[in-house]
Protein backbone atom coordinates (compact mmCIF):
# COMPACT_ATOMS: atom_id res chain seq x y z
CA UNK A 1 -67.52 -35.89 -65.39
CA UNK A 2 -69.11 -33.10 -67.40
CA UNK A 3 -69.32 -35.37 -70.44
CA UNK A 4 -70.50 -38.63 -68.90
CA UNK A 5 -74.07 -39.82 -69.20
CA UNK A 6 -73.62 -42.03 -66.10
CA UNK A 7 -75.40 -41.02 -62.92
CA UNK A 8 -73.19 -39.58 -60.15
CA UNK A 9 -73.12 -36.92 -57.46
CA UNK A 10 -70.00 -35.18 -56.17
CA UNK A 11 -69.59 -34.71 -52.43
CA UNK A 12 -67.07 -33.46 -49.83
CA UNK A 13 -64.20 -31.31 -51.15
CA UNK A 14 -65.21 -30.86 -54.79
CA UNK A 15 -68.88 -30.28 -54.02
CA UNK A 16 -68.13 -27.89 -51.18
CA UNK A 17 -65.74 -25.94 -53.40
CA UNK A 18 -68.50 -25.53 -55.99
CA UNK A 19 -70.96 -24.34 -53.34
CA UNK A 20 -68.93 -22.01 -51.10
CA UNK A 21 -65.24 -22.13 -52.13
CA UNK A 22 -63.82 -22.72 -48.63
CA UNK A 23 -61.97 -26.02 -49.05
CA UNK A 24 -59.20 -26.73 -51.54
CA UNK A 25 -60.45 -29.70 -53.58
CA UNK A 26 -57.63 -32.14 -52.81
CA UNK A 27 -59.74 -35.21 -53.52
CA UNK A 28 -62.76 -35.99 -55.66
CA UNK A 29 -65.44 -38.06 -53.92
CA UNK A 30 -68.42 -39.16 -55.93
CA UNK A 31 -71.41 -41.33 -55.31
CA UNK A 32 -72.42 -43.79 -58.00
CA UNK A 33 -75.10 -46.47 -58.25
CA UNK A 34 -73.93 -50.01 -57.61
CA UNK A 35 -75.27 -51.32 -60.92
CA UNK A 36 -73.20 -48.66 -62.75
CA UNK A 37 -69.88 -49.81 -61.25
CA UNK A 38 -68.76 -51.85 -64.30
CA UNK A 39 -69.50 -48.87 -66.57
CA UNK A 40 -67.54 -46.51 -64.31
CA UNK A 41 -64.66 -48.98 -64.19
CA UNK A 42 -64.56 -49.13 -67.99
CA UNK A 43 -64.77 -45.34 -68.28
CA UNK A 44 -61.98 -44.72 -65.77
CA UNK A 45 -59.73 -47.42 -67.23
CA UNK A 46 -60.28 -46.07 -70.74
CA UNK A 47 -59.29 -42.56 -69.60
CA UNK A 48 -56.26 -43.61 -67.55
CA UNK A 49 -57.90 -42.83 -64.21
CA UNK A 50 -57.84 -46.29 -62.64
CA UNK A 51 -55.56 -47.02 -59.69
CA UNK A 52 -54.19 -45.02 -56.79
CA UNK A 53 -54.95 -41.35 -56.87
CA UNK A 54 -57.20 -38.68 -55.52
CA UNK A 55 -60.59 -40.05 -56.63
CA UNK A 56 -62.82 -41.96 -54.24
CA UNK A 57 -65.89 -43.71 -55.60
CA UNK A 58 -68.65 -44.38 -53.10
CA UNK A 59 -71.23 -46.95 -54.09
CA UNK A 60 -74.61 -45.88 -52.78
CA UNK A 61 -78.28 -46.51 -52.60
CA UNK A 62 -80.62 -44.41 -54.68
CA UNK A 63 -81.69 -42.04 -51.87
CA UNK A 64 -78.30 -40.30 -51.80
CA UNK A 65 -78.93 -39.16 -55.37
CA UNK A 66 -82.25 -37.60 -54.31
CA UNK A 67 -82.11 -33.83 -54.40
CA UNK A 68 -78.83 -33.63 -56.27
CA UNK A 69 -78.28 -30.48 -58.27
CA UNK A 70 -76.07 -29.22 -61.05
CA UNK A 71 -73.44 -26.51 -60.60
CA UNK A 72 -71.09 -25.61 -63.46
CA UNK A 73 -72.31 -28.69 -65.38
CA UNK A 74 -71.36 -31.02 -62.49
CA UNK A 75 -73.80 -33.00 -60.33
CA UNK A 76 -73.47 -32.54 -56.58
CA UNK A 77 -75.34 -34.11 -53.68
CA UNK A 78 -78.10 -32.20 -51.89
CA UNK A 79 -76.97 -29.61 -49.38
CA UNK A 80 -78.04 -31.70 -46.34
CA UNK A 81 -76.11 -34.71 -47.68
CA UNK A 82 -73.07 -32.53 -48.35
CA UNK A 83 -73.14 -31.17 -44.80
CA UNK A 84 -73.42 -34.69 -43.38
CA UNK A 85 -70.52 -35.93 -45.54
CA UNK A 86 -68.34 -32.98 -44.54
CA UNK A 87 -68.99 -33.61 -40.84
CA UNK A 88 -68.11 -37.27 -41.38
CA UNK A 89 -64.86 -36.26 -43.07
CA UNK A 90 -63.92 -34.14 -40.03
CA UNK A 91 -61.22 -31.50 -39.60
CA UNK A 92 -61.42 -28.60 -42.01
CA UNK A 93 -64.29 -30.30 -43.82
CA UNK A 94 -66.32 -30.13 -40.60
CA UNK A 95 -65.52 -26.41 -40.40
CA UNK A 96 -66.91 -26.04 -43.91
CA UNK A 97 -70.03 -27.94 -42.84
CA UNK A 98 -70.52 -25.51 -39.94
CA UNK A 99 -70.24 -22.60 -42.36
CA UNK A 100 -72.87 -24.14 -44.63
CA UNK A 101 -75.20 -24.66 -41.66
CA UNK A 102 -74.87 -21.01 -40.68
CA UNK A 103 -75.77 -19.94 -44.22
CA UNK A 104 -78.92 -22.06 -44.06
CA UNK A 105 -80.19 -20.30 -40.94
């Protein structure tokens, strides 16, 4: 991801781990733009990353990319979007979302 020129934003486990290091990043969830899907498919196939695994690609509208930021050369969603995604994930991810909310106050 650090080397791609395609637009993306990490969320859930990977993004949270970059922000506060609470969750173990067991899965990589990333938002991409719908019109970039063929390019992502080619990139992942070329690099042997296509098929079952621990990467989830979420096709999104543009507004999810609004406010994204870069940490350690990786794009992550905005903090409010990350908190929302963590609550949606539930379990320990929701605990991490609560921790992020407390830090914002």
